[in-house]
Amino acid sequence: MNLQRMLRIVASVSTKARRSLPSEAQQVETTKKHWGDEAGTWCVGQGVHWLEHQAVQDRVNEKVSGNPRKNPYVFFMDFLQRRGVSFPVSRCLTLGCGAGDLERGLAKHGLCAEHDGYDVSDVAIDRATRLANDSLLSHVHYTALDINRVQLPRNRYDMVFGVMSVHHFERLEHIFAQVRRSLKPAGLFFLNEFIGPTQFQWTDRQISITNALLQFLPERYRRAGSGQLKSAVSRPTIAEMNAVDPSESIRSGEIVDVLSQNFSIVSRRDYGGTILHLLLEGIARNFDYGNSVDMRFLRALFDLEDLLLDSGEITSDFSVLIAEPRGGS
């Protein structure tokens, strides 16, 4: 997700354009274009988005797996091994695969004998296919389709992945029912997701804490790539959200509840982001991973978010969830 870029774009949207909600077809086309433009742009170390910072990745890894060097996907494979699963499993599916980073990453671990990937963006699918071919990954297969209307075959997959994609799906009930239908009896649904406020309708508490921290930070840490100083975060309007990407966090606040209607959550690892996402988006690169002073500032922010989470003052906006169909093993 690209909060900083989104906020720059919405600032230029005309009042007239904001008055009407786009049709469903227009929303799909806007979403396809947006994620076609974004395909393949995310990179750890780049530091534009908060999750691109290596120290943030270390933090996420530790919160999920207990080890800053063990990412959520290796954690998942360890989880599977404890269940007696042998690799490779027969077939996996990724919903919202983007440019195929997940499938190429999992291929290094030999997780799946066959891996399907679906995404709404033709551009993303073309890129994912090319990169898979370049890496000689003949077991990975990509298809462009609208996941909100997906129809999945029964008992086909050993596991289904939704990685920073499910919060872009509007028809959660339909999609989750399709995932349940498609999983084999011992199959699992893995999500690494934004589960925070729907359409970025941040709580007053989130905004006030974030803005107080922005004022606390030295100016050198608040300078965006454009040179503009990040001085405040505000709640976008629904019209602004729809103008940039109608799918962005469209029902994110409902994901866990709707998931629980069809699945039992067998593992949940929350990793915060409630303050850090708003605070660090667009400025994360200013905290040099190799600079001890920068890292002291950044870890102080990590500690503060942890204190707020532990006290119940805020709840986690991001989580890794592993779920099995109700009645499954």
C-alpha atoms as a PDB file:
ATOM      1  CA  MET A   1       0.000   0.000   0.000  1.00  0.00           C
ATOM      2  CA  ASN A   2       1.297   3.463  -0.866  1.00  0.00           C
ATOM      3  CA  LEU A   3      -0.128   5.970   1.586  1.00  0.00           C
ATOM      4  CA  GLN A   4       2.226   8.840   0.764  1.00  0.00           C
ATOM      5  CA  ARG A   5       1.628   8.592  -2.972  1.00  0.00           C
ATOM      6  CA  MET A   6      -2.100   8.290  -2.416  1.00  0.00           C
ATOM      7  CA  LEU A   7      -2.239  11.425  -0.293  1.00  0.00           C
ATOM      8  CA  ARG A   8      -0.331  13.405  -2.918  1.00  0.00           C
ATOM      9  CA  ILE A   9      -2.752  12.303  -5.621  1.00  0.00           C
ATOM     10  CA  VAL A  10      -5.928  12.956  -3.660  1.00  0.00           C
ATOM     11  CA  ALA A  11      -4.785  16.501  -2.974  1.00  0.00           C
ATOM     12  CA  SER A  12      -5.048  17.186  -6.709  1.00  0.00           C
ATOM     13  CA  VAL A  13      -8.476  15.648  -7.240  1.00  0.00           C
ATOM     14  CA  SER A  14     -11.103  18.264  -8.126  1.00  0.00           C
ATOM     15  CA  THR A  15     -14.167  18.927  -5.989  1.00  0.00           C
ATOM     16  CA  LYS A  16     -16.366  17.976  -8.910  1.00  0.00           C
ATOM     17  CA  ALA A  17     -14.707  14.576  -9.280  1.00  0.00           C
ATOM     18  CA  ARG A  18     -15.270  13.842  -5.608  1.00  0.00           C
ATOM     19  CA  ARG A  19     -19.028  14.309  -5.727  1.00  0.00           C
ATOM     20  CA  SER A  20     -19.938  11.060  -7.463  1.00  0.00           C
ATOM     21  CA  LEU A  21     -19.047   7.485  -6.574  1.00  0.00           C
ATOM     22  CA  PRO A  22     -17.604   5.677  -9.613  1.00  0.00           C
ATOM     23  CA  SER A  23     -19.533   2.788 -11.111  1.00  0.00           C
ATOM     24  CA  GLU A  24     -18.411  -0.758 -10.341  1.00  0.00           C
ATOM     25  CA  ALA A  25     -16.807  -1.072 -13.775  1.00  0.00           C
ATOM     26  CA  GLN A  26     -14.961   2.224 -13.278  1.00  0.00           C
ATOM     27  CA  GLN A  27     -13.765   1.083  -9.862  1.00  0.00           C
ATOM     28  CA  VAL A  28     -12.329  -2.123 -11.329  1.00  0.00           C
ATOM     29  CA  GLU A  29     -10.540  -0.197 -14.092  1.00  0.00           C
ATOM     30  CA  THR A  30      -9.135   2.320 -11.599  1.00  0.00           C
ATOM     31  CA  THR A  31      -7.927  -0.521  -9.394  1.00  0.00           C
ATOM     32  CA  LYS A  32      -6.360  -2.379 -12.335  1.00  0.00           C
ATOM     33  CA  LYS A  33      -4.462   0.709 -13.451  1.00  0.00           C
ATOM     34  CA  HIS A  34      -3.318   1.575  -9.934  1.00  0.00           C
ATOM     35  CA  TRP A  35      -1.911  -1.885  -9.249  1.00  0.00           C
ATOM     36  CA  GLY A  36      -0.470  -2.162 -12.728  1.00  0.00           C
ATOM     37  CA  ASP A  37       1.507   1.000 -11.966  1.00  0.00           C
ATOM     38  CA  GLU A  38       2.548  -0.354  -8.559  1.00  0.00           C
ATOM     39  CA  ALA A  39       3.535  -3.859  -9.711  1.00  0.00           C
ATOM     40  CA  GLY A  40       7.131  -4.635  -8.873  1.00  0.00           C
ATOM     41  CA  THR A  41       7.898  -1.281  -7.229  1.00  0.00           C
ATOM     42  CA  TRP A  42       8.056  -2.542  -3.619  1.00  0.00           C
ATOM     43  CA  CYS A  43      11.553  -3.326  -2.345  1.00  0.00           C
ATOM     44  CA  VAL A  44      13.028  -3.820   1.138  1.00  0.00           C
ATOM     45  CA  GLY A  45      15.780  -1.266   1.652  1.00  0.00           C
ATOM     46  CA  GLN A  46      14.095   1.347  -0.504  1.00  0.00           C
ATOM     47  CA  GLY A  47      12.363   2.859   2.493  1.00  0.00           C
ATOM     48  CA  VAL A  48       9.555   4.746   0.761  1.00  0.00           C
ATOM     49  CA  HIS A  49       6.879   2.692   2.457  1.00  0.00           C
ATOM     50  CA  TRP A  50       7.157   1.811   6.122  1.00  0.00           C
ATOM     51  CA  LEU A  51       7.430  -1.948   5.480  1.00  0.00           C
ATOM     52  CA  GLU A  52      10.318  -1.402   3.068  1.00  0.00           C
ATOM     53  CA  HIS A  53      12.670  -0.481   5.915  1.00  0.00           C
ATOM     54  CA  GLN A  54      14.937  -3.339   6.993  1.00  0.00           C
ATOM     55  CA  ALA A  55      14.537  -2.538  10.705  1.00  0.00           C
ATOM     56  CA  VAL A  56      10.745  -2.670  10.312  1.00  0.00           C
ATOM     57  CA  GLN A  57      11.080  -6.024   8.537  1.00  0.00           C
ATOM     58  CA  ASP A  58      13.231  -7.273  11.416  1.00  0.00           C
ATOM     59  CA  ARG A  59      10.545  -6.117  13.846  1.00  0.00           C
ATOM     60  CA  VAL A  60       7.769  -7.843  11.904  1.00  0.00           C
ATOM     61  CA  ASN A  61       9.794 -11.051  11.684  1.00  0.00           C
ATOM     62  CA  GLU A  62      10.449 -11.081  15.418  1.00  0.00           C
ATOM     63  CA  LYS A  63       6.817 -10.430  16.302  1.00  0.00           C
ATOM     64  CA  VAL A  64       5.619 -13.183  13.981  1.00  0.00           C
ATOM     65  CA  SER A  65       8.311 -15.858  14.323  1.00  0.00           C
ATOM     66  CA  GLY A  66      10.290 -14.798  17.393  1.00  0.00           C
ATOM     67  CA  ASN A  67      13.406 -14.356  15.249  1.00  0.00           C
ATOM     68  CA  PRO A  68      14.282 -11.105  13.398  1.00  0.00           C
ATOM     69  CA  ARG A  69      15.885 -13.179  10.621  1.00  0.00           C
ATOM     70  CA  LYS A  70      12.957 -15.588  10.135  1.00  0.00           C
ATOM     71  CA  ASN A  71      10.201 -14.084   7.987  1.00  0.00           C
ATOM     72  CA  PRO A  72       6.488 -14.958   8.215  1.00  0.00           C
ATOM     73  CA  TYR A  73       6.741 -17.451   5.339  1.00  0.00           C
ATOM     74  CA  VAL A  74       9.529 -19.469   6.936  1.00  0.00           C
ATOM     75  CA  PHE A  75       7.451 -19.284  10.144  1.00  0.00           C
ATOM     76  CA  PHE A  76       4.548 -20.753   8.170  1.00  0.00           C
ATOM     77  CA  MET A  77       6.700 -23.573   6.823  1.00  0.00           C
ATOM     78  CA  ASP A  78       7.848 -24.359  10.366  1.00  0.00           C
ATOM     79  CA  PHE A  79       4.174 -24.398  11.395  1.00  0.00           C
ATOM     80  CA  LEU A  80       3.409 -26.842   8.576  1.00  0.00           C
ATOM     81  CA  GLN A  81       6.294 -29.111   9.519  1.00  0.00           C
ATOM     82  CA  ARG A  82       5.050 -29.263  13.112  1.00  0.00           C
ATOM     83  CA  ARG A  83       1.775 -30.504  11.627  1.00  0.00           C
ATOM     84  CA  GLY A  84       3.599 -33.256   9.779  1.00  0.00           C
ATOM     85  CA  VAL A  85       3.331 -31.665   6.322  1.00  0.00           C
ATOM     86  CA  SER A  86       5.990 -32.755   3.814  1.00  0.00           C
ATOM     87  CA  PHE A  87       7.254 -30.495   1.024  1.00  0.00           C
ATOM     88  CA  PRO A  88       6.494 -29.894  -1.704  1.00  0.00           C
ATOM     89  CA  VAL A  89       2.739 -29.918  -1.273  1.00  0.00           C
ATOM     90  CA  SER A  90       0.768 -30.592  -4.427  1.00  0.00           C
ATOM     91  CA  ARG A  91      -0.733 -27.185  -5.285  1.00  0.00           C
ATOM     92  CA  CYS A  92      -0.967 -23.655  -3.850  1.00  0.00           C
ATOM     93  CA  LEU A  93      -2.846 -20.504  -4.834  1.00  0.00           C
ATOM     94  CA  THR A  94      -2.086 -16.823  -4.290  1.00  0.00           C
ATOM     95  CA  LEU A  95      -4.992 -14.370  -4.416  1.00  0.00           C
ATOM     96  CA  GLY A  96      -3.723 -10.935  -5.465  1.00  0.00           C
ATOM     97  CA  CYS A  97      -0.258 -12.048  -6.526  1.00  0.00           C
ATOM     98  CA  GLY A  98       0.899  -8.711  -7.967  1.00  0.00           C
ATOM     99  CA  ALA A  99       4.271  -9.095  -9.703  1.00  0.00           C
ATOM    100  CA  GLY A 100       4.826 -12.550  -8.193  1.00  0.00           C
ATOM    101  CA  ASP A 101       7.289 -11.796  -5.385  1.00  0.00           C
ATOM    102  CA  LEU A 102       5.682 -14.352  -3.056  1.00  0.00           C
ATOM    103  CA  GLU A 103       5.671 -17.219  -5.542  1.00  0.00           C
ATOM    104  CA  ARG A 104       9.297 -16.661  -6.520  1.00  0.00           C
ATOM    105  CA  GLY A 105      10.274 -16.435  -2.848  1.00  0.00           C
ATOM    106  CA  LEU A 106       8.464 -19.627  -1.884  1.00  0.00           C
ATOM    107  CA  ALA A 107       9.953 -21.456  -4.875  1.00  0.00           C
ATOM    108  CA  LYS A 108      13.380 -21.166  -3.226  1.00  0.00           C
ATOM    109  CA  HIS A 109      12.043 -23.246  -0.340  1.00  0.00           C
ATOM    110  CA  GLY A 110      10.354 -25.901  -2.507  1.00  0.00           C
ATOM    111  CA  LEU A 111       6.971 -25.379  -0.861  1.00  0.00           C
ATOM    112  CA  CYS A 112       4.661 -26.153  -3.810  1.00  0.00           C
ATOM    113  CA  ALA A 113       4.889 -28.531  -6.761  1.00  0.00           C
ATOM    114  CA  GLU A 114       2.426 -26.253  -8.637  1.00  0.00           C
ATOM    115  CA  HIS A 115       1.549 -22.683  -7.726  1.00  0.00           C
ATOM    116  CA  ASP A 116      -1.267 -20.591  -9.254  1.00  0.00           C
ATOM    117  CA  GLY A 117      -1.460 -16.820  -8.943  1.00  0.00           C
ATOM    118  CA  TYR A 118      -4.428 -14.528  -9.653  1.00  0.00           C
ATOM    119  CA  ASP A 119      -4.487 -10.751  -9.874  1.00  0.00           C
ATOM    120  CA  VAL A 120      -6.866  -8.137 -11.291  1.00  0.00           C
ATOM    121  CA  SER A 121      -4.056  -6.299 -13.115  1.00  0.00           C
ATOM    122  CA  ASP A 122      -3.026  -7.595 -16.548  1.00  0.00           C
ATOM    123  CA  VAL A 123       0.172  -5.554 -16.253  1.00  0.00           C
ATOM    124  CA  ALA A 124       1.072  -7.209 -12.944  1.00  0.00           C
ATOM    125  CA  ILE A 125       0.307 -10.676 -14.340  1.00  0.00           C
ATOM    126  CA  ASP A 126       2.458 -10.036 -17.418  1.00  0.00           C
ATOM    127  CA  ARG A 127       5.339  -8.931 -15.207  1.00  0.00           C
ATOM    128  CA  ALA A 128       4.916 -11.891 -12.836  1.00  0.00           C
ATOM    129  CA  THR A 129       4.856 -14.320 -15.767  1.00  0.00           C
ATOM    130  CA  ARG A 130       7.984 -12.819 -17.325  1.00  0.00           C
ATOM    131  CA  LEU A 131       9.906 -12.875 -14.037  1.00  0.00           C
ATOM    132  CA  ALA A 132       8.850 -16.474 -13.343  1.00  0.00           C
ATOM    133  CA  ASN A 133       9.973 -17.491 -16.833  1.00  0.00           C
ATOM    134  CA  ASP A 134      13.267 -15.656 -16.354  1.00  0.00           C
ATOM    135  CA  SER A 135      13.779 -17.672 -13.168  1.00  0.00           C
ATOM    136  CA  LEU A 136      12.844 -20.938 -14.948  1.00  0.00           C
ATOM    137  CA  LEU A 137       9.883 -21.482 -12.629  1.00  0.00           C
ATOM    138  CA  SER A 138       7.710 -23.602 -14.886  1.00  0.00           C
ATOM    139  CA  HIS A 139       5.543 -24.705 -11.940  1.00  0.00           C
ATOM    140  CA  VAL A 140       4.123 -21.196 -11.430  1.00  0.00           C
ATOM    141  CA  HIS A 141       1.020 -20.236 -13.431  1.00  0.00           C
ATOM    142  CA  TYR A 142      -0.592 -16.774 -13.560  1.00  0.00           C
ATOM    143  CA  THR A 143      -4.059 -15.593 -14.568  1.00  0.00           C
ATOM    144  CA  ALA A 144      -5.591 -12.108 -14.683  1.00  0.00           C
ATOM    145  CA  LEU A 145      -9.089 -12.027 -13.214  1.00  0.00           C
ATOM    146  CA  ASP A 146     -11.350 -10.091 -10.844  1.00  0.00           C
ATOM    147  CA  ILE A 147     -10.940 -11.942  -7.548  1.00  0.00           C
ATOM    148  CA  ASN A 148     -14.174 -10.461  -6.230  1.00  0.00           C
ATOM    149  CA  ARG A 149     -15.921 -12.781  -8.724  1.00  0.00           C
ATOM    150  CA  VAL A 150     -13.562 -15.737  -8.556  1.00  0.00           C
ATOM    151  CA  GLN A 151     -14.928 -19.268  -8.862  1.00  0.00           C
ATOM    152  CA  LEU A 152     -12.537 -21.866  -7.486  1.00  0.00           C
ATOM    153  CA  PRO A 153     -12.588 -25.638  -8.070  1.00  0.00           C
ATOM    154  CA  ARG A 154     -13.447 -27.893  -5.166  1.00  0.00           C
ATOM    155  CA  ASN A 155     -10.681 -29.642  -3.170  1.00  0.00           C
ATOM    156  CA  ARG A 156      -7.853 -28.364  -5.395  1.00  0.00           C
ATOM    157  CA  TYR A 157      -5.398 -26.556  -3.099  1.00  0.00           C
ATOM    158  CA  ASP A 158      -3.280 -27.540  -0.128  1.00  0.00           C
ATOM    159  CA  MET A 159      -2.985 -23.894   0.852  1.00  0.00           C
ATOM    160  CA  VAL A 160      -4.159 -20.481  -0.282  1.00  0.00           C
ATOM    161  CA  PHE A 161      -2.239 -17.251   0.316  1.00  0.00           C
ATOM    162  CA  GLY A 162      -3.481 -13.696   0.709  1.00  0.00           C
ATOM    163  CA  VAL A 163      -0.539 -11.341   1.273  1.00  0.00           C
ATOM    164  CA  MET A 164      -1.350  -7.624   1.484  1.00  0.00           C
ATOM    165  CA  SER A 165      -4.146  -8.287  -0.990  1.00  0.00           C
ATOM    166  CA  VAL A 166      -7.208  -9.393   0.971  1.00  0.00           C
ATOM    167  CA  HIS A 167      -7.794  -5.873   2.300  1.00  0.00           C
ATOM    168  CA  HIS A 168      -8.425  -4.915  -1.352  1.00  0.00           C
ATOM    169  CA  PHE A 169     -11.271  -7.436  -1.760  1.00  0.00           C
ATOM    170  CA  GLU A 170     -14.840  -6.223  -1.321  1.00  0.00           C
ATOM    171  CA  ARG A 171     -16.782  -9.491  -1.597  1.00  0.00           C
ATOM    172  CA  LEU A 172     -15.153 -11.123   1.407  1.00  0.00           C
ATOM    173  CA  GLU A 173     -17.999 -13.536   2.111  1.00  0.00           C
ATOM    174  CA  HIS A 174     -17.926 -14.873  -1.457  1.00  0.00           C
ATOM    175  CA  ILE A 175     -14.128 -15.075  -1.650  1.00  0.00           C
ATOM    176  CA  PHE A 176     -13.688 -16.782   1.710  1.00  0.00           C
ATOM    177  CA  ALA A 177     -16.418 -19.285   0.848  1.00  0.00           C
ATOM    178  CA  GLN A 178     -14.613 -20.010  -2.426  1.00  0.00           C
ATOM    179  CA  VAL A 179     -11.309 -20.460  -0.600  1.00  0.00           C
ATOM    180  CA  ARG A 180     -12.935 -22.886   1.831  1.00  0.00           C
ATOM    181  CA  ARG A 181     -14.449 -24.810  -1.078  1.00  0.00           C
ATOM    182  CA  SER A 182     -11.093 -24.983  -2.873  1.00  0.00           C
ATOM    183  CA  LEU A 183      -9.020 -26.220   0.071  1.00  0.00           C
ATOM    184  CA  LYS A 184      -8.353 -29.902   0.580  1.00  0.00           C
ATOM    185  CA  PRO A 185      -9.540 -31.367   3.919  1.00  0.00           C
ATOM    186  CA  ALA A 186      -6.281 -30.475   5.707  1.00  0.00           C
ATOM    187  CA  GLY A 187      -5.735 -27.283   3.727  1.00  0.00           C
ATOM    188  CA  LEU A 188      -4.809 -23.917   5.234  1.00  0.00           C
ATOM    189  CA  PHE A 189      -5.457 -20.271   4.413  1.00  0.00           C
ATOM    190  CA  PHE A 190      -2.486 -17.983   5.146  1.00  0.00           C
ATOM    191  CA  LEU A 191      -2.968 -14.213   5.395  1.00  0.00           C
ATOM    192  CA  ASN A 192      -0.422 -11.474   6.024  1.00  0.00           C
ATOM    193  CA  GLU A 193      -2.737  -8.501   6.067  1.00  0.00           C
ATOM    194  CA  PHE A 194      -3.747  -5.002   6.949  1.00  0.00           C
ATOM    195  CA  ILE A 195      -6.772  -5.462   9.230  1.00  0.00           C
ATOM    196  CA  GLY A 196      -7.028  -1.856  10.412  1.00  0.00           C
ATOM    197  CA  PRO A 197      -9.719   0.762   9.798  1.00  0.00           C
ATOM    198  CA  THR A 198     -11.750   0.346   6.621  1.00  0.00           C
ATOM    199  CA  GLN A 199     -10.761   2.821   3.885  1.00  0.00           C
ATOM    200  CA  PHE A 200      -8.085   4.303   6.138  1.00  0.00           C
ATOM    201  CA  GLN A 201     -10.607   5.934   8.452  1.00  0.00           C
ATOM    202  CA  TRP A 202      -7.987   6.226  11.155  1.00  0.00           C
ATOM    203  CA  THR A 203      -9.190   6.617  14.719  1.00  0.00           C
ATOM    204  CA  ASP A 204      -8.837   9.982  16.432  1.00  0.00           C
ATOM    205  CA  ARG A 205      -6.365   8.362  18.837  1.00  0.00           C
ATOM    206  CA  GLN A 206      -4.154   7.077  16.021  1.00  0.00           C
ATOM    207  CA  ILE A 207      -4.047  10.482  14.389  1.00  0.00           C
ATOM    208  CA  SER A 208      -3.357  12.416  17.565  1.00  0.00           C
ATOM    209  CA  ILE A 209      -0.531  10.090  18.666  1.00  0.00           C
ATOM    210  CA  THR A 210       1.022  10.076  15.208  1.00  0.00           C
ATOM    211  CA  ASN A 211       0.942  13.845  14.893  1.00  0.00           C
ATOM    212  CA  ALA A 212       2.431  14.299  18.341  1.00  0.00           C
ATOM    213  CA  LEU A 213       5.296  11.994  17.378  1.00  0.00           C
ATOM    214  CA  LEU A 214       5.856  13.845  14.110  1.00  0.00           C
ATOM    215  CA  GLN A 215       6.370  17.053  16.076  1.00  0.00           C
ATOM    216  CA  PHE A 216       8.768  15.230  18.380  1.00  0.00           C
ATOM    217  CA  LEU A 217      10.979  13.951  15.547  1.00  0.00           C
ATOM    218  CA  PRO A 218      13.895  16.101  14.364  1.00  0.00           C
ATOM    219  CA  GLU A 219      13.222  17.690  10.998  1.00  0.00           C
ATOM    220  CA  ARG A 220      15.801  15.531   9.187  1.00  0.00           C
ATOM    221  CA  TYR A 221      13.656  12.469   9.806  1.00  0.00           C
ATOM    222  CA  ARG A 222      10.471  14.089   8.503  1.00  0.00           C
ATOM    223  CA  ARG A 223      11.695  15.063   5.034  1.00  0.00           C
ATOM    224  CA  ALA A 224       9.895  13.155   2.246  1.00  0.00           C
ATOM    225  CA  GLY A 225      11.583  12.184  -1.007  1.00  0.00           C
ATOM    226  CA  SER A 226       9.995  15.164  -2.724  1.00  0.00           C
ATOM    227  CA  GLY A 227      11.714  17.441  -0.209  1.00  0.00           C
ATOM    228  CA  GLN A 228       8.421  18.313   1.455  1.00  0.00           C
ATOM    229  CA  LEU A 229       8.350  18.211   5.237  1.00  0.00           C
ATOM    230  CA  LYS A 230       5.872  15.714   6.683  1.00  0.00           C
ATOM    231  CA  SER A 231       4.243  17.700   9.458  1.00  0.00           C
ATOM    232  CA  ALA A 232       0.836  16.068   9.975  1.00  0.00           C
ATOM    233  CA  VAL A 233      -1.300  13.055   9.097  1.00  0.00           C
ATOM    234  CA  SER A 234      -5.033  13.404   8.516  1.00  0.00           C
ATOM    235  CA  ARG A 235      -7.942  11.082   7.822  1.00  0.00           C
ATOM    236  CA  PRO A 236      -8.730  10.925   4.068  1.00  0.00           C
ATOM    237  CA  THR A 237     -12.329  11.274   2.952  1.00  0.00           C
ATOM    238  CA  ILE A 238     -14.080   8.312   1.357  1.00  0.00           C
ATOM    239  CA  ALA A 239     -14.291  10.265  -1.908  1.00  0.00           C
ATOM    240  CA  GLU A 240     -10.538  10.810  -1.859  1.00  0.00           C
ATOM    241  CA  MET A 241      -9.948   7.098  -1.258  1.00  0.00           C
ATOM    242  CA  ASN A 242     -12.230   6.135  -4.142  1.00  0.00           C
ATOM    243  CA  ALA A 243     -10.562   8.608  -6.488  1.00  0.00           C
ATOM    244  CA  VAL A 244      -7.147   6.964  -6.105  1.00  0.00           C
ATOM    245  CA  ASP A 245      -7.906   3.281  -5.520  1.00  0.00           C
ATOM    246  CA  PRO A 246     -11.487   2.220  -4.716  1.00  0.00           C
ATOM    247  CA  SER A 247     -10.198  -1.131  -3.483  1.00  0.00           C
ATOM    248  CA  GLU A 248      -7.829   0.267  -0.840  1.00  0.00           C
ATOM    249  CA  SER A 249      -8.733  -1.245   2.545  1.00  0.00           C
ATOM    250  CA  ILE A 250     -12.305  -1.485   1.273  1.00  0.00           C
ATOM    251  CA  ARG A 251     -13.425  -3.784   4.118  1.00  0.00           C
ATOM    252  CA  SER A 252     -10.200  -4.268   6.037  1.00  0.00           C
ATOM    253  CA  GLY A 253     -11.839  -3.759   9.413  1.00  0.00           C
ATOM    254  CA  GLU A 254     -14.131  -6.750   8.767  1.00  0.00           C
ATOM    255  CA  ILE A 255     -11.552  -9.285   7.560  1.00  0.00           C
ATOM    256  CA  VAL A 256     -11.093 -11.160  10.835  1.00  0.00           C
ATOM    257  CA  ASP A 257     -14.810 -11.347  11.617  1.00  0.00           C
ATOM    258  CA  VAL A 258     -15.763 -12.564   8.122  1.00  0.00           C
ATOM    259  CA  LEU A 259     -12.866 -15.008   8.076  1.00  0.00           C
ATOM    260  CA  SER A 260     -14.143 -16.506  11.327  1.00  0.00           C
ATOM    261  CA  GLN A 261     -17.491 -17.316   9.707  1.00  0.00           C
ATOM    262  CA  ASN A 262     -15.891 -19.943   7.468  1.00  0.00           C
ATOM    263  CA  PHE A 263     -12.621 -20.710   9.216  1.00  0.00           C
ATOM    264  CA  SER A 264     -11.046 -21.393  12.567  1.00  0.00           C
ATOM    265  CA  ILE A 265      -8.003 -19.207  13.161  1.00  0.00           C
ATOM    266  CA  VAL A 266      -5.325 -21.607  14.386  1.00  0.00           C
ATOM    267  CA  SER A 267      -2.518 -19.040  14.631  1.00  0.00           C
ATOM    268  CA  ARG A 268      -2.582 -15.255  14.909  1.00  0.00           C
ATOM    269  CA  ARG A 269       0.512 -13.053  15.137  1.00  0.00           C
ATOM    270  CA  ASP A 270      -0.250  -9.337  15.354  1.00  0.00           C
ATOM    271  CA  TYR A 271       2.599  -6.973  14.545  1.00  0.00           C
ATOM    272  CA  GLY A 272       1.233  -3.493  15.116  1.00  0.00           C
ATOM    273  CA  GLY A 273       1.699  -0.827  12.478  1.00  0.00           C
ATOM    274  CA  THR A 274      -1.131   1.156  14.043  1.00  0.00           C
ATOM    275  CA  ILE A 275       1.126   4.161  14.619  1.00  0.00           C
ATOM    276  CA  LEU A 276       4.255   3.200  12.695  1.00  0.00           C
ATOM    277  CA  HIS A 277       2.420   2.864   9.360  1.00  0.00           C
ATOM    278  CA  LEU A 278       1.046   6.407   9.504  1.00  0.00           C
ATOM    279  CA  LEU A 279       4.209   7.850  10.996  1.00  0.00           C
ATOM    280  CA  LEU A 280       6.896   6.267   8.799  1.00  0.00           C
ATOM    281  CA  GLU A 281       5.133   6.122   5.437  1.00  0.00           C
ATOM    282  CA  GLY A 282       7.105   8.230   2.970  1.00  0.00           C
ATOM    283  CA  ILE A 283       9.922   9.028   5.419  1.00  0.00           C
ATOM    284  CA  ALA A 284      11.232   5.603   6.518  1.00  0.00           C
ATOM    285  CA  ARG A 285      14.332   5.970   4.336  1.00  0.00           C
ATOM    286  CA  ASN A 286      15.560   8.805   6.577  1.00  0.00           C
ATOM    287  CA  PHE A 287      16.398   6.299   9.305  1.00  0.00           C
ATOM    288  CA  ASP A 288      19.727   4.845   8.157  1.00  0.00           C
ATOM    289  CA  TYR A 289      19.883   1.150   9.082  1.00  0.00           C
ATOM    290  CA  GLY A 290      23.622   1.449   9.613  1.00  0.00           C
ATOM    291  CA  ASN A 291      23.479   4.590  11.766  1.00  0.00           C
ATOM    292  CA  SER A 292      23.271   3.923  15.496  1.00  0.00           C
ATOM    293  CA  VAL A 293      21.601   7.258  16.307  1.00  0.00           C
ATOM    294  CA  ASP A 294      18.950   6.790  13.623  1.00  0.00           C
ATOM    295  CA  MET A 295      18.256   3.287  14.885  1.00  0.00           C
ATOM    296  CA  ARG A 296      17.930   4.509  18.486  1.00  0.00           C
ATOM    297  CA  PHE A 297      15.247   6.948  17.340  1.00  0.00           C
ATOM    298  CA  LEU A 298      13.494   4.268  15.315  1.00  0.00           C
ATOM    299  CA  ARG A 299      13.592   1.673  18.079  1.00  0.00           C
ATOM    300  CA  ALA A 300      12.224   4.247  20.529  1.00  0.00           C
ATOM    301  CA  LEU A 301       9.239   4.573  18.190  1.00  0.00           C
ATOM    302  CA  PHE A 302       8.944   0.772  18.078  1.00  0.00           C
ATOM    303  CA  ASP A 303       8.978   0.633  21.884  1.00  0.00           C
ATOM    304  CA  LEU A 304       6.319   3.311  22.158  1.00  0.00           C
ATOM    305  CA  GLU A 305       3.973   1.482  19.802  1.00  0.00           C
ATOM    306  CA  ASP A 306       4.551  -1.717  21.775  1.00  0.00           C
ATOM    307  CA  LEU A 307       3.666   0.038  25.034  1.00  0.00           C
ATOM    308  CA  LEU A 308       0.451   1.388  23.499  1.00  0.00           C
ATOM    309  CA  LEU A 309      -0.445  -2.047  22.121  1.00  0.00           C
ATOM    310  CA  ASP A 310       0.343  -3.842  25.377  1.00  0.00           C
ATOM    311  CA  SER A 311      -1.705  -1.361  27.389  1.00  0.00           C
ATOM    312  CA  GLY A 312      -4.731  -1.732  25.116  1.00  0.00           C
ATOM    313  CA  GLU A 313      -4.586   1.945  24.174  1.00  0.00           C
ATOM    314  CA  ILE A 314      -4.468   0.863  20.507  1.00  0.00           C
ATOM    315  CA  THR A 315      -5.000  -2.425  18.656  1.00  0.00           C
ATOM    316  CA  SER A 316      -2.886  -3.944  15.915  1.00  0.00           C
ATOM    317  CA  ASP A 317      -3.562  -2.906  12.323  1.00  0.00           C
ATOM    318  CA  PHE A 318      -1.501  -5.742  10.797  1.00  0.00           C
ATOM    319  CA  SER A 319      -1.533  -9.464  11.425  1.00  0.00           C
ATOM    320  CA  VAL A 320      -0.374 -12.839  10.153  1.00  0.00           C
ATOM    321  CA  LEU A 321      -3.258 -15.296  10.316  1.00  0.00           C
ATOM    322  CA  ILE A 322      -3.340 -19.013   9.623  1.00  0.00           C
ATOM    323  CA  ALA A 323      -6.828 -20.470   9.302  1.00  0.00           C
ATOM    324  CA  GLU A 324      -8.372 -23.847   8.570  1.00  0.00           C
ATOM    325  CA  PRO A 325     -11.892 -24.529   7.326  1.00  0.00           C
ATOM    326  CA  ARG A 326     -14.335 -25.050  10.172  1.00  0.00           C
ATOM    327  CA  GLY A 327     -14.604 -28.749  10.800  1.00  0.00           C
ATOM    328  CA  GLY A 328     -11.163 -29.294   9.269  1.00  0.00           C
ATOM    329  CA  SER A 329      -8.220 -31.033  10.894  1.00  0.00           C
END
